[in-house]
Amino acid sequence: MKPALHKLLLAALIMASGCDQPTHLPVGSVNTDFIEWMKTMTKIKVTYSGMTNLHSYLKQGVIDPGTTTDYWYPREMEFSNWDSSYTISWQDSVFETRSCFVFRQIDPPFTLSSDCGTTTMIRGIYHSSSRTVSDIYCMFRSYHASDQNNYQEQDATMILPAIDIESVGDDSLSFSLKNWNPGSLRIDYNYDEEAYTTYIRQMHLAGFDSSAADYPNSCRVVLSMK
């Protein structure tokens, strides 16, 4: 057998064996069920971005009485398992993982706070028949303190009753909230920081603009291989 032909046959045998081949996008009609493919994915990210109403209080120094403000800002909340130890577990069609959290300014991009913790969760249910995800619950709690007068505490939640498939990539699957109406999304964020009572910073997300009159809304769930 000629060397060149021998190499071609060997390559064909290796490819046919399927050894160490990566998991690829399911191929089929628009009714393809993605659940087994989704179970091979290792990363998940749930995000909301839009115009938010932030109620803030800041006190700096002993004689400072403190200042309270209420402003509308474009902000983004992100729940994700970017910590490598946070794996996605599946029980039938229900997925769950621990989560990290990022709260950021959008324009210009700037991270206001970020953390990972044990009192966290991303949970949802995938429905093969409709290719939707429902009952999405994201929760984050963190508390850091050197003593009772020096601490930083924050908590965040995001609840989505249902979300529709948006796009399919080579190694990712994206779901997006398409019908914005009362009850389609619930978000909350609170931040509380104190240093010997001379520095106090508090922030509360009082609401968001579901009409997207001044800034576009976006809410997504993305599962990916990396």
N, C-alpha and C. Protein backbone atom coordinates (compact mmCIF):
# COMPACT_ATOMS: atom_id res chain seq x y z
N MET A 1 0.85 -1.21 0.00
CA MET A 1 0.00 0.00 0.00
C MET A 1 0.87 1.24 0.00
N LYS A 2 0.52 2.21 -0.84
CA LYS A 2 1.29 3.43 -0.90
C LYS A 2 1.17 4.20 0.41
N PRO A 3 2.28 4.86 0.87
CA PRO A 3 2.26 5.59 2.14
C PRO A 3 1.15 6.64 2.21
N ALA A 4 0.94 7.37 1.14
CA ALA A 4 -0.07 8.43 1.15
C ALA A 4 -1.46 7.84 1.36
N LEU A 5 -1.75 6.72 0.66
CA LEU A 5 -3.06 6.07 0.80
C LEU A 5 -3.24 5.49 2.18
N HIS A 6 -2.15 4.93 2.72
CA HIS A 6 -2.19 4.37 4.07
C HIS A 6 -2.56 5.44 5.09
N LYS A 7 -1.99 6.65 4.96
CA LYS A 7 -2.28 7.75 5.89
C LYS A 7 -3.74 8.19 5.80
N LEU A 8 -4.26 8.22 4.56
CA LEU A 8 -5.65 8.62 4.38
C LEU A 8 -6.60 7.63 5.01
N LEU A 9 -6.33 6.32 4.85
CA LEU A 9 -7.18 5.31 5.45
C LEU A 9 -7.11 5.35 6.97
N LEU A 10 -5.91 5.58 7.52
CA LEU A 10 -5.75 5.66 8.97
C LEU A 10 -6.53 6.84 9.53
N ALA A 11 -6.45 7.99 8.85
CA ALA A 11 -7.19 9.17 9.30
C ALA A 11 -8.69 8.92 9.27
N ALA A 12 -9.14 8.21 8.23
CA ALA A 12 -10.57 7.92 8.12
C ALA A 12 -11.03 7.00 9.24
N LEU A 13 -10.19 6.02 9.60
CA LEU A 13 -10.54 5.11 10.69
C LEU A 13 -10.62 5.83 12.02
N ILE A 14 -9.69 6.76 12.26
CA ILE A 14 -9.70 7.52 13.52
C ILE A 14 -10.96 8.38 13.62
N MET A 15 -11.31 9.03 12.50
CA MET A 15 -12.50 9.88 12.50
C MET A 15 -13.75 9.06 12.70
N ALA A 16 -13.79 7.88 12.09
CA ALA A 16 -14.98 7.04 12.20
C ALA A 16 -15.14 6.47 13.60
N SER A 17 -14.03 6.28 14.31
CA SER A 17 -14.09 5.69 15.65
C SER A 17 -14.74 6.61 16.65
N GLY A 18 -14.66 7.93 16.40
CA GLY A 18 -15.28 8.90 17.31
C GLY A 18 -14.50 9.13 18.58
N CYS A 19 -13.28 8.65 18.67
CA CYS A 19 -12.50 8.80 19.88
C CYS A 19 -12.11 10.26 20.09
N ASP A 20 -12.33 10.73 21.30
CA ASP A 20 -11.91 12.07 21.70
C ASP A 20 -12.48 13.16 20.79
N GLN A 21 -13.65 12.90 20.23
CA GLN A 21 -14.27 13.91 19.39
C GLN A 21 -15.12 14.83 20.25
N PRO A 22 -15.08 16.15 20.02
CA PRO A 22 -15.88 17.07 20.82
C PRO A 22 -17.36 16.94 20.52
N THR A 23 -18.19 17.35 21.48
CA THR A 23 -19.63 17.35 21.27
C THR A 23 -20.00 18.53 20.39
N HIS A 24 -20.76 18.26 19.31
CA HIS A 24 -21.10 19.30 18.36
C HIS A 24 -22.59 19.64 18.43
N LEU A 25 -22.95 20.73 17.79
CA LEU A 25 -24.32 21.18 17.69
C LEU A 25 -25.21 20.11 17.08
N PRO A 26 -26.35 19.79 17.72
CA PRO A 26 -27.28 18.83 17.13
C PRO A 26 -27.77 19.31 15.78
N VAL A 27 -27.84 18.41 14.81
CA VAL A 27 -28.27 18.77 13.47
C VAL A 27 -29.65 18.17 13.22
N GLY A 28 -30.58 18.96 12.70
CA GLY A 28 -31.91 18.44 12.42
C GLY A 28 -32.85 19.56 12.06
N SER A 29 -34.12 19.30 12.22
CA SER A 29 -35.14 20.29 11.88
C SER A 29 -35.25 21.33 12.98
N VAL A 30 -36.18 22.25 12.81
CA VAL A 30 -36.39 23.30 13.80
C VAL A 30 -36.91 22.72 15.10
N ASN A 31 -37.33 21.45 15.08
CA ASN A 31 -37.86 20.82 16.28
C ASN A 31 -36.80 20.05 17.05
N THR A 32 -35.52 20.26 16.72
CA THR A 32 -34.43 19.58 17.40
C THR A 32 -34.50 19.82 18.91
N ASP A 33 -34.35 18.76 19.69
CA ASP A 33 -34.31 18.87 21.14
C ASP A 33 -32.86 19.04 21.57
N PHE A 34 -32.57 20.12 22.31
CA PHE A 34 -31.19 20.45 22.65
C PHE A 34 -30.76 19.94 24.03
N ILE A 35 -31.60 19.25 24.76
CA ILE A 35 -31.32 19.02 26.18
C ILE A 35 -30.04 18.20 26.40
N GLU A 36 -29.82 17.15 25.62
CA GLU A 36 -28.61 16.36 25.84
C GLU A 36 -27.36 17.15 25.51
N TRP A 37 -27.44 17.98 24.51
CA TRP A 37 -26.32 18.87 24.15
C TRP A 37 -26.09 19.89 25.24
N MET A 38 -27.18 20.44 25.79
CA MET A 38 -27.07 21.43 26.87
C MET A 38 -26.37 20.83 28.09
N LYS A 39 -26.60 19.56 28.35
CA LYS A 39 -26.02 18.92 29.53
C LYS A 39 -24.51 18.75 29.43
N THR A 40 -23.95 18.95 28.24
CA THR A 40 -22.49 18.88 28.09
C THR A 40 -21.83 20.24 28.32
N MET A 41 -22.64 21.27 28.42
CA MET A 41 -22.10 22.62 28.57
C MET A 41 -21.69 22.88 30.01
N THR A 42 -20.65 23.67 30.19
CA THR A 42 -20.08 23.88 31.52
C THR A 42 -20.32 25.27 32.09
N LYS A 43 -20.72 26.23 31.24
CA LYS A 43 -20.87 27.61 31.70
C LYS A 43 -22.29 28.11 31.44
N ILE A 44 -22.76 28.95 32.37
CA ILE A 44 -24.06 29.59 32.22
C ILE A 44 -23.96 31.02 32.70
N LYS A 45 -24.66 31.91 31.99
CA LYS A 45 -24.67 33.32 32.34
C LYS A 45 -26.10 33.85 32.18
N VAL A 46 -26.58 34.52 33.22
CA VAL A 46 -27.91 35.14 33.18
C VAL A 46 -27.71 36.64 33.37
N THR A 47 -28.16 37.44 32.42
CA THR A 47 -27.91 38.88 32.49
C THR A 47 -29.17 39.69 32.26
N TYR A 48 -29.20 40.84 32.90
CA TYR A 48 -30.20 41.88 32.60
C TYR A 48 -29.46 43.19 32.41
N SER A 49 -29.82 43.94 31.38
CA SER A 49 -29.30 45.29 31.22
C SER A 49 -30.44 46.21 30.81
N GLY A 50 -30.43 47.42 31.35
CA GLY A 50 -31.49 48.37 31.04
C GLY A 50 -31.41 49.57 31.96
N MET A 51 -32.39 50.44 31.85
CA MET A 51 -32.45 51.65 32.66
C MET A 51 -33.02 51.31 34.03
N THR A 52 -32.26 51.60 35.08
CA THR A 52 -32.67 51.26 36.44
C THR A 52 -32.74 52.49 37.33
N ASN A 53 -33.62 52.44 38.29
CA ASN A 53 -33.77 53.51 39.27
C ASN A 53 -33.01 53.12 40.53
N LEU A 54 -31.93 53.86 40.82
CA LEU A 54 -31.08 53.55 41.97
C LEU A 54 -31.28 54.59 43.07
N HIS A 55 -31.63 54.09 44.23
CA HIS A 55 -31.77 54.93 45.42
C HIS A 55 -30.50 54.76 46.26
N SER A 56 -29.75 55.84 46.46
CA SER A 56 -28.44 55.74 47.12
C SER A 56 -28.33 56.68 48.31
N TYR A 57 -27.51 56.26 49.27
CA TYR A 57 -27.19 57.09 50.43
C TYR A 57 -25.68 56.99 50.66
N LEU A 58 -25.02 58.15 50.83
CA LEU A 58 -23.58 58.18 51.04
C LEU A 58 -23.24 59.16 52.15
N LYS A 59 -22.49 58.67 53.13
CA LYS A 59 -22.01 59.50 54.24
C LYS A 59 -20.49 59.33 54.31
N GLN A 60 -19.76 60.45 54.29
CA GLN A 60 -18.30 60.41 54.32
C GLN A 60 -17.79 61.36 55.40
N GLY A 61 -17.40 60.83 56.53
CA GLY A 61 -16.88 61.66 57.62
C GLY A 61 -17.87 61.84 58.75
N VAL A 62 -17.35 62.22 59.92
CA VAL A 62 -18.15 62.33 61.14
C VAL A 62 -19.19 63.43 61.02
N ILE A 63 -18.81 64.58 60.46
CA ILE A 63 -19.74 65.72 60.43
C ILE A 63 -20.63 65.72 59.18
N ASP A 64 -20.38 64.81 58.26
CA ASP A 64 -21.20 64.72 57.04
C ASP A 64 -22.56 64.11 57.39
N PRO A 65 -23.67 64.85 57.19
CA PRO A 65 -24.99 64.30 57.50
C PRO A 65 -25.43 63.21 56.52
N GLY A 66 -24.75 63.12 55.40
CA GLY A 66 -25.11 62.12 54.39
C GLY A 66 -25.97 62.71 53.29
N THR A 67 -25.88 62.13 52.13
CA THR A 67 -26.62 62.60 50.96
C THR A 67 -27.42 61.46 50.36
N THR A 68 -28.68 61.72 50.10
CA THR A 68 -29.56 60.73 49.47
C THR A 68 -29.85 61.16 48.03
N THR A 69 -29.74 60.23 47.10
CA THR A 69 -30.00 60.54 45.69
C THR A 69 -30.87 59.45 45.07
N ASP A 70 -31.61 59.85 44.06
CA ASP A 70 -32.39 58.92 43.25
C ASP A 70 -32.13 59.25 41.79
N TYR A 71 -31.53 58.32 41.07
CA TYR A 71 -31.20 58.55 39.67
C TYR A 71 -31.57 57.33 38.83
N TRP A 72 -31.83 57.60 37.55
CA TRP A 72 -32.01 56.54 36.57
C TRP A 72 -30.70 56.36 35.82
N TYR A 73 -30.16 55.13 35.85
CA TYR A 73 -28.90 54.83 35.18
C TYR A 73 -29.05 53.54 34.37
N PRO A 74 -28.34 53.43 33.22
CA PRO A 74 -28.23 52.13 32.56
C PRO A 74 -27.27 51.24 33.37
N ARG A 75 -27.75 50.07 33.76
CA ARG A 75 -26.95 49.16 34.57
C ARG A 75 -27.13 47.73 34.08
N GLU A 76 -26.17 46.89 34.45
CA GLU A 76 -26.25 45.47 34.10
C GLU A 76 -26.03 44.61 35.33
N MET A 77 -26.87 43.60 35.49
CA MET A 77 -26.71 42.57 36.51
C MET A 77 -26.34 41.27 35.82
N GLU A 78 -25.33 40.59 36.35
CA GLU A 78 -24.89 39.33 35.76
C GLU A 78 -24.70 38.27 36.83
N PHE A 79 -25.38 37.16 36.65
CA PHE A 79 -25.18 35.96 37.47
C PHE A 79 -24.51 34.93 36.56
N SER A 80 -23.40 34.35 37.01
CA SER A 80 -22.71 33.36 36.18
C SER A 80 -21.85 32.45 37.05
N ASN A 81 -21.50 31.30 36.50
CA ASN A 81 -20.64 30.36 37.23
C ASN A 81 -19.21 30.41 36.69
N TRP A 82 -18.67 31.64 36.55
CA TRP A 82 -17.31 31.76 36.00
C TRP A 82 -16.25 31.21 36.93
N ASP A 83 -16.55 31.01 38.21
CA ASP A 83 -15.63 30.29 39.09
C ASP A 83 -15.57 28.83 38.63
N SER A 84 -14.38 28.32 38.37
CA SER A 84 -14.22 26.99 37.80
C SER A 84 -14.76 25.87 38.69
N SER A 85 -14.93 26.15 39.98
CA SER A 85 -15.44 25.11 40.88
C SER A 85 -16.97 25.04 40.89
N TYR A 86 -17.63 25.96 40.22
CA TYR A 86 -19.08 26.00 40.19
C TYR A 86 -19.58 25.25 38.94
N THR A 87 -19.93 24.01 39.10
CA THR A 87 -20.37 23.18 37.98
C THR A 87 -21.89 23.16 37.90
N ILE A 88 -22.39 22.90 36.69
CA ILE A 88 -23.84 22.81 36.46
C ILE A 88 -24.28 21.37 36.68
N SER A 89 -25.27 21.18 37.54
CA SER A 89 -25.83 19.85 37.76
C SER A 89 -27.24 19.79 37.15
N TRP A 90 -27.60 18.62 36.64
CA TRP A 90 -28.91 18.42 36.02
C TRP A 90 -29.66 17.31 36.74
N GLN A 91 -30.94 17.52 36.95
CA GLN A 91 -31.85 16.48 37.45
C GLN A 91 -33.01 16.45 36.47
N ASP A 92 -32.97 15.49 35.56
CA ASP A 92 -33.91 15.47 34.43
C ASP A 92 -33.76 16.76 33.63
N SER A 93 -34.75 17.64 33.63
CA SER A 93 -34.68 18.88 32.84
C SER A 93 -34.40 20.10 33.71
N VAL A 94 -34.11 19.89 34.98
CA VAL A 94 -33.83 20.99 35.91
C VAL A 94 -32.32 21.15 36.06
N PHE A 95 -31.83 22.38 35.86
CA PHE A 95 -30.40 22.63 36.02
C PHE A 95 -30.17 23.59 37.18
N GLU A 96 -28.98 23.48 37.79
CA GLU A 96 -28.68 24.31 38.96
C GLU A 96 -27.17 24.42 39.13
N THR A 97 -26.72 25.56 39.61
CA THR A 97 -25.31 25.78 39.92
C THR A 97 -25.18 26.91 40.92
N ARG A 98 -24.05 26.95 41.61
CA ARG A 98 -23.72 28.12 42.41
C ARG A 98 -23.30 29.24 41.47
N SER A 99 -23.30 30.48 42.00
CA SER A 99 -23.13 31.61 41.10
C SER A 99 -22.21 32.69 41.66
N CYS A 100 -21.55 33.37 40.74
CA CYS A 100 -20.89 34.64 41.04
C CYS A 100 -21.82 35.76 40.58
N PHE A 101 -21.53 36.99 41.00
CA PHE A 101 -22.41 38.10 40.66
C PHE A 101 -21.58 39.33 40.31
N VAL A 102 -22.03 40.06 39.29
CA VAL A 102 -21.40 41.32 38.91
C VAL A 102 -22.49 42.36 38.70
N PHE A 103 -22.29 43.54 39.28
CA PHE A 103 -23.19 44.68 39.04
C PHE A 103 -22.33 45.77 38.42
N ARG A 104 -22.69 46.17 37.20
CA ARG A 104 -21.80 47.08 36.48
C ARG A 104 -22.53 48.23 35.82
N GLN A 105 -21.79 49.31 35.69
CA GLN A 105 -22.19 50.45 34.88
C GLN A 105 -21.97 50.06 33.41
N ILE A 106 -22.85 50.52 32.53
CA ILE A 106 -22.77 50.09 31.13
C ILE A 106 -21.95 51.04 30.26
N ASP A 107 -22.19 52.34 30.37
CA ASP A 107 -21.56 53.29 29.46
C ASP A 107 -21.04 54.51 30.23
N PRO A 108 -19.69 54.59 30.42
CA PRO A 108 -18.67 53.63 29.98
C PRO A 108 -18.67 52.39 30.88
N PRO A 109 -18.18 51.25 30.39
CA PRO A 109 -18.19 50.03 31.19
C PRO A 109 -17.35 50.18 32.46
N PHE A 110 -17.94 49.83 33.59
CA PHE A 110 -17.22 49.91 34.87
C PHE A 110 -17.90 48.99 35.87
N THR A 111 -17.13 48.12 36.51
CA THR A 111 -17.68 47.20 37.50
C THR A 111 -17.86 47.91 38.83
N LEU A 112 -19.09 47.95 39.31
CA LEU A 112 -19.40 48.57 40.59
C LEU A 112 -19.18 47.61 41.75
N SER A 113 -19.49 46.35 41.55
CA SER A 113 -19.24 45.34 42.57
C SER A 113 -19.24 43.96 41.91
N SER A 114 -18.46 43.06 42.49
CA SER A 114 -18.43 41.67 42.00
C SER A 114 -17.95 40.77 43.13
N ASP A 115 -18.47 39.53 43.13
CA ASP A 115 -18.10 38.62 44.20
C ASP A 115 -18.62 37.23 43.84
N CYS A 116 -18.08 36.22 44.51
CA CYS A 116 -18.58 34.86 44.44
C CYS A 116 -18.87 34.42 45.88
N GLY A 117 -19.80 33.51 46.05
CA GLY A 117 -20.13 33.11 47.40
C GLY A 117 -20.85 31.79 47.45
N THR A 118 -21.01 31.26 48.66
CA THR A 118 -21.67 29.96 48.84
C THR A 118 -23.19 30.10 48.88
N THR A 119 -23.69 31.26 49.31
CA THR A 119 -25.13 31.46 49.39
C THR A 119 -25.61 32.05 48.06
N THR A 120 -25.53 31.23 47.02
CA THR A 120 -25.83 31.69 45.67
C THR A 120 -26.51 30.57 44.89
N MET A 121 -27.16 30.95 43.78
CA MET A 121 -27.83 29.94 42.98
C MET A 121 -28.25 30.49 41.63
N ILE A 122 -28.13 29.65 40.60
CA ILE A 122 -28.83 29.83 39.32
C ILE A 122 -29.60 28.54 39.10
N ARG A 123 -30.91 28.66 38.87
CA ARG A 123 -31.73 27.47 38.72
C ARG A 123 -32.77 27.71 37.63
N GLY A 124 -33.10 26.69 36.87
CA GLY A 124 -34.12 26.82 35.84
C GLY A 124 -34.57 25.46 35.33
N ILE A 125 -35.59 25.47 34.49
CA ILE A 125 -36.13 24.24 33.91
C ILE A 125 -36.20 24.40 32.40
N TYR A 126 -35.61 23.45 31.68
CA TYR A 126 -35.67 23.47 30.22
C TYR A 126 -36.84 22.61 29.75
N HIS A 127 -37.60 23.14 28.77
CA HIS A 127 -38.75 22.44 28.22
C HIS A 127 -38.47 22.06 26.76
N SER A 128 -38.33 20.76 26.51
CA SER A 128 -37.98 20.28 25.18
C SER A 128 -39.06 20.59 24.15
N SER A 129 -40.33 20.49 24.55
CA SER A 129 -41.43 20.67 23.59
C SER A 129 -41.47 22.08 23.01
N SER A 130 -41.20 23.07 23.83
CA SER A 130 -41.25 24.46 23.38
C SER A 130 -39.88 25.09 23.22
N ARG A 131 -38.84 24.35 23.64
CA ARG A 131 -37.46 24.86 23.63
C ARG A 131 -37.38 26.22 24.35
N THR A 132 -37.95 26.23 25.54
CA THR A 132 -37.92 27.42 26.40
C THR A 132 -37.34 27.03 27.75
N VAL A 133 -36.97 28.04 28.52
CA VAL A 133 -36.52 27.84 29.90
C VAL A 133 -37.47 28.60 30.81
N SER A 134 -37.93 27.96 31.86
CA SER A 134 -38.86 28.60 32.79
C SER A 134 -38.36 28.52 34.22
N ASP A 135 -39.07 29.19 35.10
CA ASP A 135 -38.79 29.16 36.54
C ASP A 135 -37.33 29.49 36.85
N ILE A 136 -36.80 30.49 36.16
CA ILE A 136 -35.40 30.88 36.36
C ILE A 136 -35.30 31.69 37.65
N TYR A 137 -34.46 31.21 38.53
CA TYR A 137 -34.26 31.89 39.82
C TYR A 137 -32.77 32.07 40.05
N CYS A 138 -32.33 33.32 40.13
CA CYS A 138 -30.93 33.64 40.42
C CYS A 138 -30.87 34.37 41.75
N MET A 139 -29.96 33.95 42.60
CA MET A 139 -29.86 34.54 43.92
C MET A 139 -28.39 34.65 44.33
N PHE A 140 -28.06 35.79 44.93
CA PHE A 140 -26.69 36.00 45.40
C PHE A 140 -26.73 36.72 46.75
N ARG A 141 -25.95 36.22 47.71
CA ARG A 141 -25.81 36.86 49.02
C ARG A 141 -24.34 36.83 49.41
N SER A 142 -23.81 37.94 49.89
CA SER A 142 -22.44 37.95 50.41
C SER A 142 -22.35 38.90 51.59
N TYR A 143 -21.47 38.54 52.52
CA TYR A 143 -21.26 39.36 53.72
C TYR A 143 -19.80 39.22 54.14
N HIS A 144 -19.11 40.36 54.20
CA HIS A 144 -17.71 40.38 54.65
C HIS A 144 -17.59 41.39 55.78
N ALA A 145 -16.98 40.98 56.88
CA ALA A 145 -16.87 41.88 58.03
C ALA A 145 -15.63 41.55 58.86
N SER A 146 -14.96 42.60 59.33
CA SER A 146 -13.87 42.43 60.30
C SER A 146 -14.42 42.55 61.71
N ASP A 147 -15.49 43.32 61.88
CA ASP A 147 -16.24 43.41 63.13
C ASP A 147 -17.59 44.02 62.80
N GLN A 148 -18.43 44.23 63.81
CA GLN A 148 -19.80 44.70 63.57
C GLN A 148 -19.88 46.12 63.03
N ASN A 149 -18.77 46.88 63.15
CA ASN A 149 -18.76 48.25 62.64
C ASN A 149 -18.04 48.40 61.30
N ASN A 150 -17.54 47.28 60.80
CA ASN A 150 -16.84 47.31 59.51
C ASN A 150 -17.32 46.12 58.69
N TYR A 151 -18.17 46.39 57.74
CA TYR A 151 -18.73 45.29 56.96
C TYR A 151 -19.15 45.76 55.57
N GLN A 152 -19.32 44.78 54.71
CA GLN A 152 -19.84 45.00 53.37
C GLN A 152 -20.81 43.87 53.08
N GLU A 153 -22.01 44.23 52.71
CA GLU A 153 -23.06 43.24 52.49
C GLU A 153 -23.80 43.58 51.21
N GLN A 154 -24.10 42.56 50.42
CA GLN A 154 -24.90 42.79 49.22
C GLN A 154 -25.73 41.55 48.91
N ASP A 155 -26.87 41.79 48.32
CA ASP A 155 -27.73 40.70 47.89
C ASP A 155 -28.43 41.10 46.60
N ALA A 156 -28.68 40.10 45.76
CA ALA A 156 -29.31 40.34 44.47
C ALA A 156 -30.16 39.14 44.09
N THR A 157 -31.27 39.40 43.42
CA THR A 157 -32.12 38.32 42.91
C THR A 157 -32.62 38.69 41.52
N MET A 158 -32.87 37.66 40.73
CA MET A 158 -33.51 37.82 39.42
C MET A 158 -34.44 36.62 39.23
N ILE A 159 -35.69 36.91 38.87
CA ILE A 159 -36.69 35.86 38.67
C ILE A 159 -37.33 36.05 37.30
N LEU A 160 -37.31 34.99 36.50
CA LEU A 160 -37.89 35.00 35.16
C LEU A 160 -38.87 33.83 35.05
N PRO A 161 -40.15 34.11 34.86
CA PRO A 161 -41.11 33.00 34.71
C PRO A 161 -40.83 32.15 33.48
N ALA A 162 -40.47 32.79 32.34
CA ALA A 162 -40.21 32.05 31.11
C ALA A 162 -39.37 32.89 30.16
N ILE A 163 -38.59 32.19 29.32
CA ILE A 163 -37.72 32.87 28.37
C ILE A 163 -37.58 31.99 27.13
N ASP A 164 -37.53 32.60 25.94
CA ASP A 164 -37.58 31.87 24.67
C ASP A 164 -36.20 31.70 24.06
N ILE A 165 -36.06 30.67 23.24
CA ILE A 165 -34.80 30.45 22.55
C ILE A 165 -34.54 31.62 21.59
N GLU A 166 -33.28 32.04 21.54
CA GLU A 166 -32.90 33.18 20.70
C GLU A 166 -31.98 32.77 19.56
N SER A 167 -30.88 32.08 19.89
CA SER A 167 -29.93 31.71 18.85
C SER A 167 -29.14 30.47 19.28
N VAL A 168 -28.58 29.80 18.28
CA VAL A 168 -27.78 28.60 18.50
C VAL A 168 -26.43 28.80 17.82
N GLY A 169 -25.35 28.63 18.58
CA GLY A 169 -24.01 28.75 18.04
C GLY A 169 -23.34 27.40 17.97
N ASP A 170 -22.08 27.37 17.56
CA ASP A 170 -21.33 26.11 17.48
C ASP A 170 -21.14 25.47 18.84
N ASP A 171 -20.99 26.31 19.88
CA ASP A 171 -20.75 25.77 21.22
C ASP A 171 -21.55 26.52 22.29
N SER A 172 -22.69 27.10 21.91
CA SER A 172 -23.49 27.85 22.86
C SER A 172 -24.95 27.88 22.43
N LEU A 173 -25.80 28.16 23.41
CA LEU A 173 -27.23 28.26 23.20
C LEU A 173 -27.73 29.44 24.00
N SER A 174 -28.50 30.33 23.35
CA SER A 174 -28.93 31.57 23.99
C SER A 174 -30.45 31.64 24.03
N PHE A 175 -30.97 32.08 25.18
CA PHE A 175 -32.39 32.33 25.38
C PHE A 175 -32.58 33.80 25.71
N SER A 176 -33.69 34.38 25.25
CA SER A 176 -33.89 35.82 25.43
C SER A 176 -35.33 36.11 25.82
N LEU A 177 -35.51 37.11 26.69
CA LEU A 177 -36.84 37.57 27.05
C LEU A 177 -37.36 38.45 25.93
N LYS A 178 -38.45 38.03 25.31
CA LYS A 178 -38.98 38.75 24.15
C LYS A 178 -40.25 39.54 24.47
N ASN A 179 -41.04 39.07 25.40
CA ASN A 179 -42.29 39.74 25.75
C ASN A 179 -42.17 40.45 27.08
N TRP A 180 -41.89 41.75 27.02
CA TRP A 180 -41.72 42.55 28.22
C TRP A 180 -43.08 43.06 28.68
N ASN A 181 -43.52 42.56 29.82
CA ASN A 181 -44.77 43.01 30.41
C ASN A 181 -44.69 42.85 31.92
N PRO A 182 -45.59 43.46 32.67
CA PRO A 182 -45.55 43.33 34.13
C PRO A 182 -45.53 41.86 34.55
N GLY A 183 -44.56 41.51 35.36
CA GLY A 183 -44.44 40.14 35.81
C GLY A 183 -43.49 39.28 35.00
N SER A 184 -43.01 39.80 33.84
CA SER A 184 -42.11 38.99 33.01
C SER A 184 -40.70 38.94 33.59
N LEU A 185 -40.38 39.88 34.48
CA LEU A 185 -39.05 39.92 35.09
C LEU A 185 -39.14 40.60 36.45
N ARG A 186 -38.47 40.01 37.43
CA ARG A 186 -38.34 40.63 38.75
C ARG A 186 -36.86 40.67 39.12
N ILE A 187 -36.35 41.86 39.43
CA ILE A 187 -34.96 42.00 39.83
C ILE A 187 -34.88 42.85 41.09
N ASP A 188 -33.84 42.58 41.87
CA ASP A 188 -33.63 43.35 43.10
C ASP A 188 -32.14 43.36 43.41
N TYR A 189 -31.66 44.47 43.95
CA TYR A 189 -30.26 44.57 44.34
C TYR A 189 -30.13 45.53 45.51
N ASN A 190 -29.36 45.13 46.53
CA ASN A 190 -29.09 45.96 47.70
C ASN A 190 -27.62 45.86 48.07
N TYR A 191 -27.06 47.02 48.39
CA TYR A 191 -25.65 47.09 48.78
C TYR A 191 -25.55 47.94 50.04
N ASP A 192 -24.82 47.45 51.04
CA ASP A 192 -24.70 48.16 52.31
C ASP A 192 -23.25 48.03 52.80
N GLU A 193 -22.59 49.17 52.99
CA GLU A 193 -21.20 49.18 53.44
C GLU A 193 -21.04 50.20 54.56
N GLU A 194 -20.30 49.82 55.61
CA GLU A 194 -20.08 50.72 56.74
C GLU A 194 -18.66 50.55 57.27
N ALA A 195 -18.03 51.68 57.63
CA ALA A 195 -16.70 51.67 58.22
C ALA A 195 -16.70 52.59 59.43
N TYR A 196 -16.80 52.03 60.62
CA TYR A 196 -16.80 52.76 61.90
C TYR A 196 -17.78 53.92 61.91
N THR A 197 -18.91 53.74 61.25
CA THR A 197 -20.01 54.72 61.19
C THR A 197 -19.62 56.05 60.57
N THR A 198 -18.34 56.23 60.19
CA THR A 198 -17.92 57.50 59.57
C THR A 198 -18.05 57.42 58.04
N TYR A 199 -18.11 56.20 57.53
CA TYR A 199 -18.33 56.02 56.10
C TYR A 199 -19.46 55.02 55.93
N ILE A 200 -20.52 55.48 55.31
CA ILE A 200 -21.68 54.61 55.06
C ILE A 200 -22.09 54.77 53.60
N ARG A 201 -22.20 53.67 52.92
CA ARG A 201 -22.66 53.68 51.53
C ARG A 201 -23.74 52.63 51.36
N GLN A 202 -24.88 53.07 50.88
CA GLN A 202 -26.00 52.18 50.68
C GLN A 202 -26.59 52.41 49.29
N MET A 203 -27.03 51.33 48.66
CA MET A 203 -27.61 51.44 47.33
C MET A 203 -28.72 50.40 47.19
N HIS A 204 -29.84 50.85 46.64
CA HIS A 204 -30.98 49.97 46.46
C HIS A 204 -31.57 50.17 45.07
N LEU A 205 -31.79 49.07 44.37
CA LEU A 205 -32.42 49.14 43.06
C LEU A 205 -33.93 49.23 43.27
N ALA A 206 -34.46 50.41 43.01
CA ALA A 206 -35.87 50.68 43.31
C ALA A 206 -36.80 50.29 42.17
N GLY A 207 -36.26 50.09 40.96
CA GLY A 207 -37.11 49.70 39.85
C GLY A 207 -36.36 49.76 38.53
N PHE A 208 -37.03 49.32 37.46
CA PHE A 208 -36.43 49.40 36.13
C PHE A 208 -37.51 49.77 35.12
N ASP A 209 -37.08 50.32 34.00
CA ASP A 209 -37.98 50.80 32.96
C ASP A 209 -38.28 49.68 31.98
N SER A 210 -39.40 48.99 32.15
CA SER A 210 -39.75 47.88 31.28
C SER A 210 -40.17 48.35 29.89
N SER A 211 -40.51 49.64 29.76
CA SER A 211 -40.92 50.16 28.46
C SER A 211 -39.74 50.44 27.54
N ALA A 212 -38.52 50.50 28.13
CA ALA A 212 -37.30 50.78 27.37
C ALA A 212 -37.41 52.09 26.59
N ALA A 213 -38.03 53.08 27.20
CA ALA A 213 -38.24 54.36 26.53
C ALA A 213 -36.93 55.10 26.30
N ASP A 214 -35.99 55.01 27.24
CA ASP A 214 -34.73 55.76 27.14
C ASP A 214 -33.51 54.88 26.91
N TYR A 215 -33.65 53.58 27.12
CA TYR A 215 -32.51 52.68 26.95
C TYR A 215 -33.05 51.28 26.67
N PRO A 216 -32.47 50.55 25.72
CA PRO A 216 -33.00 49.22 25.38
C PRO A 216 -32.83 48.21 26.51
N ASN A 217 -33.85 47.39 26.72
CA ASN A 217 -33.78 46.32 27.70
C ASN A 217 -33.23 45.05 27.06
N SER A 218 -32.51 44.28 27.85
CA SER A 218 -32.01 42.99 27.39
C SER A 218 -31.96 42.04 28.57
N CYS A 219 -32.46 40.84 28.37
CA CYS A 219 -32.39 39.82 29.42
C CYS A 219 -32.14 38.48 28.73
N ARG A 220 -31.04 37.81 29.10
CA ARG A 220 -30.62 36.59 28.41
C ARG A 220 -30.14 35.52 29.38
N VAL A 221 -30.29 34.30 28.93
CA VAL A 221 -29.68 33.13 29.56
C VAL A 221 -28.83 32.46 28.49
N VAL A 222 -27.53 32.33 28.74
CA VAL A 222 -26.62 31.75 27.75
C VAL A 222 -25.89 30.57 28.38
N LEU A 223 -25.98 29.40 27.77
CA LEU A 223 -25.18 28.24 28.14
C LEU A 223 -24.12 28.03 27.10
N SER A 224 -22.90 27.71 27.53
CA SER A 224 -21.81 27.54 26.59
C SER A 224 -20.81 26.51 27.08
N MET A 225 -19.93 26.11 26.16
CA MET A 225 -18.90 25.12 26.49
C MET A 225 -17.78 25.74 27.33
N LYS A 226 -17.57 27.07 27.19
CA LYS A 226 -16.48 27.70 27.91
C LYS A 226 -16.77 29.18 28.10
